[in-house]
Amino acid sequence: MWNNYFTLLTIAALLRADYEISNPPEETNPPAGSRSLSKDVLVARRREWAEKAVKRYAETQEKKWRKWEEAMFEAK
């Protein structure tokens, strides 16, 4: 009995997967706010975000290593 339900469930899952693969979702339009920005502004913002991300990553790594060194070389 359980085997029959498992077979039906498997067939239903395969049919759904086939349907999803054969009918990809439609392309959506970007939000109105992003269309109004020029490419130069977007490039500048992305560069700024990248620089900020690198700076914060470096700060985080420095903090991590500082804590590690304190824990490793601290007199107990």
PDB file of N, CA and C in Angstrom:
ATOM      1  N   MET A   1       0.817  -1.189   0.000  1.00  0.00           N
ATOM      2  CA  MET A   1       0.000   0.000   0.000  1.00  0.00           C
ATOM      3  C   MET A   1       0.868   1.264   0.000  1.00  0.00           C
ATOM      4  N   TRP A   2       1.838   1.343   0.931  1.00  0.00           N
ATOM      5  CA  TRP A   2       2.701   2.510   1.001  1.00  0.00           C
ATOM      6  C   TRP A   2       3.522   2.639  -0.270  1.00  0.00           C
ATOM      7  N   ASN A   3       3.870   1.495  -0.842  1.00  0.00           N
ATOM      8  CA  ASN A   3       4.662   1.482  -2.056  1.00  0.00           C
ATOM      9  C   ASN A   3       3.891   2.127  -3.203  1.00  0.00           C
ATOM     10  N   ASN A   4       2.581   1.897  -3.279  1.00  0.00           N
ATOM     11  CA  ASN A   4       1.759   2.499  -4.337  1.00  0.00           C
ATOM     12  C   ASN A   4       1.704   4.022  -4.193  1.00  0.00           C
ATOM     13  N   TYR A   5       1.568   4.520  -2.963  1.00  0.00           N
ATOM     14  CA  TYR A   5       1.547   5.964  -2.746  1.00  0.00           C
ATOM     15  C   TYR A   5       2.902   6.592  -3.087  1.00  0.00           C
ATOM     16  N   PHE A   6       3.958   5.891  -2.759  1.00  0.00           N
ATOM     17  CA  PHE A   6       5.302   6.388  -3.080  1.00  0.00           C
ATOM     18  C   PHE A   6       5.480   6.487  -4.588  1.00  0.00           C
ATOM     19  N   THR A   7       4.989   5.500  -5.317  1.00  0.00           N
ATOM     20  CA  THR A   7       5.080   5.516  -6.778  1.00  0.00           C
ATOM     21  C   THR A   7       4.296   6.697  -7.344  1.00  0.00           C
ATOM     22  N   LEU A   8       3.084   6.909  -6.862  1.00  0.00           N
ATOM     23  CA  LEU A   8       2.275   8.040  -7.338  1.00  0.00           C
ATOM     24  C   LEU A   8       2.942   9.376  -7.004  1.00  0.00           C
ATOM     25  N   LEU A   9       3.509   9.472  -5.809  1.00  0.00           N
ATOM     26  CA  LEU A   9       4.192  10.694  -5.414  1.00  0.00           C
ATOM     27  C   LEU A   9       5.401  10.957  -6.299  1.00  0.00           C
ATOM     28  N   THR A  10       6.136   9.920  -6.622  1.00  0.00           N
ATOM     29  CA  THR A  10       7.302  10.054  -7.493  1.00  0.00           C
ATOM     30  C   THR A  10       6.888  10.512  -8.888  1.00  0.00           C
ATOM     31  N   ILE A  11       5.839   9.903  -9.417  1.00  0.00           N
ATOM     32  CA  ILE A  11       5.358  10.289 -10.752  1.00  0.00           C
ATOM     33  C   ILE A  11       4.897  11.743 -10.744  1.00  0.00           C
ATOM     34  N   ALA A  12       4.176  12.147  -9.699  1.00  0.00           N
ATOM     35  CA  ALA A  12       3.713  13.537  -9.607  1.00  0.00           C
ATOM     36  C   ALA A  12       4.899  14.494  -9.525  1.00  0.00           C
ATOM     37  N   ALA A  13       5.926  14.147  -8.761  1.00  0.00           N
ATOM     38  CA  ALA A  13       7.104  15.004  -8.643  1.00  0.00           C
ATOM     39  C   ALA A  13       7.829  15.122  -9.976  1.00  0.00           C
ATOM     40  N   LEU A  14       7.948  14.026 -10.698  1.00  0.00           N
ATOM     41  CA  LEU A  14       8.614  14.065 -12.002  1.00  0.00           C
ATOM     42  C   LEU A  14       7.817  14.882 -13.013  1.00  0.00           C
ATOM     43  N   LEU A  15       6.497  14.745 -12.991  1.00  0.00           N
ATOM     44  CA  LEU A  15       5.665  15.546 -13.890  1.00  0.00           C
ATOM     45  C   LEU A  15       5.802  17.034 -13.579  1.00  0.00           C
ATOM     46  N   ARG A  16       5.815  17.380 -12.290  1.00  0.00           N
ATOM     47  CA  ARG A  16       5.966  18.786 -11.904  1.00  0.00           C
ATOM     48  C   ARG A  16       7.328  19.323 -12.328  1.00  0.00           C
ATOM     49  N   ALA A  17       8.384  18.524 -12.131  1.00  0.00           N
ATOM     50  CA  ALA A  17       9.727  18.949 -12.530  1.00  0.00           C
ATOM     51  C   ALA A  17       9.805  19.155 -14.036  1.00  0.00           C
ATOM     52  N   ASP A  18       9.188  18.242 -14.802  1.00  0.00           N
ATOM     53  CA  ASP A  18       9.178  18.379 -16.251  1.00  0.00           C
ATOM     54  C   ASP A  18       8.447  19.654 -16.666  1.00  0.00           C
ATOM     55  N   TYR A  19       7.323  19.950 -16.014  1.00  0.00           N
ATOM     56  CA  TYR A  19       6.569  21.163 -16.313  1.00  0.00           C
ATOM     57  C   TYR A  19       7.394  22.412 -16.000  1.00  0.00           C
ATOM     58  N   GLU A  20       8.049  22.429 -14.842  1.00  0.00           N
ATOM     59  CA  GLU A  20       8.841  23.600 -14.445  1.00  0.00           C
ATOM     60  C   GLU A  20      10.020  23.817 -15.382  1.00  0.00           C
ATOM     61  N   ILE A  21      10.633  22.737 -15.840  1.00  0.00           N
ATOM     62  CA  ILE A  21      11.782  22.868 -16.747  1.00  0.00           C
ATOM     63  C   ILE A  21      11.339  23.346 -18.121  1.00  0.00           C
ATOM     64  N   SER A  22      10.216  22.828 -18.609  1.00  0.00           N
ATOM     65  CA  SER A  22       9.776  23.184 -19.960  1.00  0.00           C
ATOM     66  C   SER A  22       9.134  24.570 -20.025  1.00  0.00           C
ATOM     67  N   ASN A  23       8.693  25.132 -18.910  1.00  0.00           N
ATOM     68  CA  ASN A  23       8.070  26.459 -18.877  1.00  0.00           C
ATOM     69  C   ASN A  23       8.840  27.367 -17.921  1.00  0.00           C
ATOM     70  N   PRO A  24       9.968  27.935 -18.380  1.00  0.00           N
ATOM     71  CA  PRO A  24      10.721  28.806 -17.475  1.00  0.00           C
ATOM     72  C   PRO A  24       9.932  30.064 -17.142  1.00  0.00           C
ATOM     73  N   PRO A  25      10.208  30.686 -15.993  1.00  0.00           N
ATOM     74  CA  PRO A  25       9.466  31.896 -15.623  1.00  0.00           C
ATOM     75  C   PRO A  25       9.745  33.029 -16.600  1.00  0.00           C
ATOM     76  N   GLU A  26       8.772  33.918 -16.737  1.00  0.00           N
ATOM     77  CA  GLU A  26       8.927  35.058 -17.631  1.00  0.00           C
ATOM     78  C   GLU A  26       9.943  36.032 -17.047  1.00  0.00           C
ATOM     79  N   GLU A  27      10.612  36.730 -17.938  1.00  0.00           N
ATOM     80  CA  GLU A  27      11.572  37.742 -17.496  1.00  0.00           C
ATOM     81  C   GLU A  27      10.810  38.900 -16.876  1.00  0.00           C
ATOM     82  N   THR A  28      11.258  39.319 -15.732  1.00  0.00           N
ATOM     83  CA  THR A  28      10.613  40.456 -15.081  1.00  0.00           C
ATOM     84  C   THR A  28      11.378  41.721 -15.393  1.00  0.00           C
ATOM     85  N   ASN A  29      10.672  42.827 -15.443  1.00  0.00           N
ATOM     86  CA  ASN A  29      11.298  44.116 -15.683  1.00  0.00           C
ATOM     87  C   ASN A  29      11.972  44.603 -14.408  1.00  0.00           C
ATOM     88  N   PRO A  30      13.106  45.279 -14.531  1.00  0.00           N
ATOM     89  CA  PRO A  30      13.734  45.818 -13.333  1.00  0.00           C
ATOM     90  C   PRO A  30      12.862  46.908 -12.712  1.00  0.00           C
ATOM     91  N   PRO A  31      13.007  47.149 -11.430  1.00  0.00           N
ATOM     92  CA  PRO A  31      12.214  48.208 -10.790  1.00  0.00           C
ATOM     93  C   PRO A  31      12.447  49.564 -11.436  1.00  0.00           C
ATOM     94  N   ALA A  32      11.459  50.414 -11.338  1.00  0.00           N
ATOM     95  CA  ALA A  32      11.529  51.716 -11.992  1.00  0.00           C
ATOM     96  C   ALA A  32      12.696  52.551 -11.471  1.00  0.00           C
ATOM     97  N   GLY A  33      13.020  52.428 -10.201  1.00  0.00           N
ATOM     98  CA  GLY A  33      14.108  53.212  -9.631  1.00  0.00           C
ATOM     99  C   GLY A  33      15.461  52.886 -10.237  1.00  0.00           C
ATOM    100  N   SER A  34      15.702  51.623 -10.546  1.00  0.00           N
ATOM    101  CA  SER A  34      17.001  51.259 -11.092  1.00  0.00           C
ATOM    102  C   SER A  34      17.115  51.624 -12.565  1.00  0.00           C
ATOM    103  N   ARG A  35      15.988  51.739 -13.267  1.00  0.00           N
ATOM    104  CA  ARG A  35      16.052  52.125 -14.676  1.00  0.00           C
ATOM    105  C   ARG A  35      16.437  53.578 -14.847  1.00  0.00           C
ATOM    106  N   SER A  36      16.123  54.410 -13.858  1.00  0.00           N
ATOM    107  CA  SER A  36      16.383  55.833 -13.996  1.00  0.00           C
ATOM    108  C   SER A  36      17.854  56.172 -13.736  1.00  0.00           C
ATOM    109  N   LEU A  37      18.589  55.290 -13.091  1.00  0.00           N
ATOM    110  CA  LEU A  37      19.996  55.569 -12.803  1.00  0.00           C
ATOM    111  C   LEU A  37      20.855  55.282 -14.025  1.00  0.00           C
ATOM    112  N   SER A  38      21.812  56.136 -14.247  1.00  0.00           N
ATOM    113  CA  SER A  38      22.699  55.912 -15.385  1.00  0.00           C
ATOM    114  C   SER A  38      23.718  54.841 -15.029  1.00  0.00           C
ATOM    115  N   LYS A  39      24.351  54.297 -16.044  1.00  0.00           N
ATOM    116  CA  LYS A  39      25.344  53.243 -15.811  1.00  0.00           C
ATOM    117  C   LYS A  39      26.533  53.773 -15.033  1.00  0.00           C
ATOM    118  N   ASP A  40      26.910  55.025 -15.250  1.00  0.00           N
ATOM    119  CA  ASP A  40      28.040  55.597 -14.529  1.00  0.00           C
ATOM    120  C   ASP A  40      27.771  55.676 -13.030  1.00  0.00           C
ATOM    121  N   VAL A  41      26.545  56.041 -12.684  1.00  0.00           N
ATOM    122  CA  VAL A  41      26.182  56.125 -11.265  1.00  0.00           C
ATOM    123  C   VAL A  41      26.205  54.735 -10.646  1.00  0.00           C
ATOM    124  N   LEU A  42      25.691  53.752 -11.383  1.00  0.00           N
ATOM    125  CA  LEU A  42      25.700  52.379 -10.869  1.00  0.00           C
ATOM    126  C   LEU A  42      27.116  51.866 -10.693  1.00  0.00           C
ATOM    127  N   VAL A  43      27.983  52.152 -11.651  1.00  0.00           N
ATOM    128  CA  VAL A  43      29.380  51.710 -11.551  1.00  0.00           C
ATOM    129  C   VAL A  43      30.054  52.371 -10.353  1.00  0.00           C
ATOM    130  N   ALA A  44      29.792  53.639 -10.154  1.00  0.00           N
ATOM    131  CA  ALA A  44      30.389  54.350  -9.022  1.00  0.00           C
ATOM    132  C   ALA A  44      29.893  53.773  -7.693  1.00  0.00           C
ATOM    133  N   ARG A  45      28.601  53.493  -7.616  1.00  0.00           N
ATOM    134  CA  ARG A  45      28.052  52.914  -6.381  1.00  0.00           C
ATOM    135  C   ARG A  45      28.626  51.531  -6.121  1.00  0.00           C
ATOM    136  N   ARG A  46      28.723  50.719  -7.153  1.00  0.00           N
ATOM    137  CA  ARG A  46      29.273  49.372  -6.983  1.00  0.00           C
ATOM    138  C   ARG A  46      30.727  49.433  -6.544  1.00  0.00           C
ATOM    139  N   ARG A  47      31.472  50.366  -7.110  1.00  0.00           N
ATOM    140  CA  ARG A  47      32.875  50.519  -6.712  1.00  0.00           C
ATOM    141  C   ARG A  47      32.959  50.937  -5.241  1.00  0.00           C
ATOM    142  N   GLU A  48      32.104  51.859  -4.854  1.00  0.00           N
ATOM    143  CA  GLU A  48      32.077  52.321  -3.460  1.00  0.00           C
ATOM    144  C   GLU A  48      31.710  51.168  -2.525  1.00  0.00           C
ATOM    145  N   TRP A  49      30.703  50.390  -2.904  1.00  0.00           N
ATOM    146  CA  TRP A  49      30.295  49.250  -2.075  1.00  0.00           C
ATOM    147  C   TRP A  49      31.409  48.217  -1.991  1.00  0.00           C
ATOM    148  N   ALA A  50      32.096  47.983  -3.101  1.00  0.00           N
ATOM    149  CA  ALA A  50      33.181  47.008  -3.095  1.00  0.00           C
ATOM    150  C   ALA A  50      34.313  47.462  -2.186  1.00  0.00           C
ATOM    151  N   GLU A  51      34.664  48.744  -2.265  1.00  0.00           N
ATOM    152  CA  GLU A  51      35.722  49.265  -1.400  1.00  0.00           C
ATOM    153  C   GLU A  51      35.326  49.158   0.070  1.00  0.00           C
ATOM    154  N   LYS A  52      34.068  49.467   0.372  1.00  0.00           N
ATOM    155  CA  LYS A  52      33.587  49.374   1.749  1.00  0.00           C
ATOM    156  C   LYS A  52      33.614  47.926   2.229  1.00  0.00           C
ATOM    157  N   ALA A  53      33.215  47.002   1.360  1.00  0.00           N
ATOM    158  CA  ALA A  53      33.212  45.584   1.731  1.00  0.00           C
ATOM    159  C   ALA A  53      34.629  45.086   1.992  1.00  0.00           C
ATOM    160  N   VAL A  54      35.569  45.481   1.163  1.00  0.00           N
ATOM    161  CA  VAL A  54      36.964  45.061   1.358  1.00  0.00           C
ATOM    162  C   VAL A  54      37.512  45.637   2.652  1.00  0.00           C
ATOM    163  N   LYS A  55      37.209  46.897   2.922  1.00  0.00           N
ATOM    164  CA  LYS A  55      37.692  47.537   4.144  1.00  0.00           C
ATOM    165  C   LYS A  55      37.143  46.835   5.383  1.00  0.00           C
ATOM    166  N   ARG A  56      35.837  46.553   5.382  1.00  0.00           N
ATOM    167  CA  ARG A  56      35.224  45.895   6.540  1.00  0.00           C
ATOM    168  C   ARG A  56      35.727  44.462   6.689  1.00  0.00           C
ATOM    169  N   TYR A  57      35.980  43.781   5.563  1.00  0.00           N
ATOM    170  CA  TYR A  57      36.519  42.427   5.630  1.00  0.00           C
ATOM    171  C   TYR A  57      37.907  42.446   6.256  1.00  0.00           C
ATOM    172  N   ALA A  58      38.737  43.395   5.832  1.00  0.00           N
ATOM    173  CA  ALA A  58      40.079  43.497   6.390  1.00  0.00           C
ATOM    174  C   ALA A  58      40.031  43.805   7.889  1.00  0.00           C
ATOM    175  N   GLU A  59      39.136  44.683   8.291  1.00  0.00           N
ATOM    176  CA  GLU A  59      38.994  45.007   9.717  1.00  0.00           C
ATOM    177  C   GLU A  59      38.556  43.778  10.515  1.00  0.00           C
ATOM    178  N   THR A  60      37.632  43.034   9.970  1.00  0.00           N
ATOM    179  CA  THR A  60      37.139  41.840  10.649  1.00  0.00           C
ATOM    180  C   THR A  60      38.238  40.793  10.787  1.00  0.00           C
ATOM    181  N   GLN A  61      39.013  40.611   9.719  1.00  0.00           N
ATOM    182  CA  GLN A  61      40.106  39.638   9.777  1.00  0.00           C
ATOM    183  C   GLN A  61      41.155  40.067  10.796  1.00  0.00           C
ATOM    184  N   GLU A  62      41.465  41.349  10.827  1.00  0.00           N
ATOM    185  CA  GLU A  62      42.444  41.850  11.791  1.00  0.00           C
ATOM    186  C   GLU A  62      41.954  41.613  13.220  1.00  0.00           C
ATOM    187  N   LYS A  63      40.690  41.875  13.456  1.00  0.00           N
ATOM    188  CA  LYS A  63      40.107  41.659  14.780  1.00  0.00           C
ATOM    189  C   LYS A  63      40.155  40.178  15.158  1.00  0.00           C
ATOM    190  N   LYS A  64      39.848  39.308  14.189  1.00  0.00           N
ATOM    191  CA  LYS A  64      39.882  37.873  14.443  1.00  0.00           C
ATOM    192  C   LYS A  64      41.289  37.412  14.806  1.00  0.00           C
ATOM    193  N   TRP A  65      42.285  37.862  14.044  1.00  0.00           N
ATOM    194  CA  TRP A  65      43.660  37.442  14.319  1.00  0.00           C
ATOM    195  C   TRP A  65      44.172  38.020  15.625  1.00  0.00           C
ATOM    196  N   ARG A  66      43.753  39.232  15.940  1.00  0.00           N
ATOM    197  CA  ARG A  66      44.158  39.830  17.206  1.00  0.00           C
ATOM    198  C   ARG A  66      43.627  38.992  18.371  1.00  0.00           C
ATOM    199  N   LYS A  67      42.364  38.599  18.303  1.00  0.00           N
ATOM    200  CA  LYS A  67      41.775  37.763  19.353  1.00  0.00           C
ATOM    201  C   LYS A  67      42.465  36.408  19.409  1.00  0.00           C
ATOM    202  N   TRP A  68      42.796  35.845  18.247  1.00  0.00           N
ATOM    203  CA  TRP A  68      43.456  34.551  18.209  1.00  0.00           C
ATOM    204  C   TRP A  68      44.825  34.633  18.860  1.00  0.00           C
ATOM    205  N   GLU A  69      45.579  35.679  18.516  1.00  0.00           N
ATOM    206  CA  GLU A  69      46.912  35.839  19.102  1.00  0.00           C
ATOM    207  C   GLU A  69      46.833  36.041  20.617  1.00  0.00           C
ATOM    208  N   GLU A  70      45.856  36.814  21.058  1.00  0.00           N
ATOM    209  CA  GLU A  70      45.694  37.014  22.496  1.00  0.00           C
ATOM    210  C   GLU A  70      45.380  35.689  23.183  1.00  0.00           C
ATOM    211  N   ALA A  71      44.528  34.887  22.571  1.00  0.00           N
ATOM    212  CA  ALA A  71      44.150  33.611  23.188  1.00  0.00           C
ATOM    213  C   ALA A  71      45.306  32.621  23.163  1.00  0.00           C
ATOM    214  N   MET A  72      46.117  32.640  22.101  1.00  0.00           N
ATOM    215  CA  MET A  72      47.197  31.673  21.982  1.00  0.00           C
ATOM    216  C   MET A  72      48.390  32.031  22.881  1.00  0.00           C
ATOM    217  N   PHE A  73      48.701  33.285  22.997  1.00  0.00           N
ATOM    218  CA  PHE A  73      49.915  33.684  23.681  1.00  0.00           C
ATOM    219  C   PHE A  73      49.661  34.342  25.034  1.00  0.00           C
ATOM    220  N   GLU A  74      48.437  34.241  25.497  1.00  0.00           N
ATOM    221  CA  GLU A  74      48.099  34.821  26.792  1.00  0.00           C
ATOM    222  C   GLU A  74      48.612  33.899  27.899  1.00  0.00           C
ATOM    223  N   ALA A  75      49.226  34.483  28.911  1.00  0.00           N
ATOM    224  CA  ALA A  75      49.719  33.688  30.029  1.00  0.00           C
ATOM    225  C   ALA A  75      48.543  33.212  30.864  1.00  0.00           C
ATOM    226  N   LYS A  76      48.519  31.933  31.118  1.00  0.00           N
ATOM    227  CA  LYS A  76      47.403  31.355  31.887  1.00  0.00           C
ATOM    228  C   LYS A  76      47.802  31.110  33.308  1.00  0.00           C
TER     229      LYS A  76
END
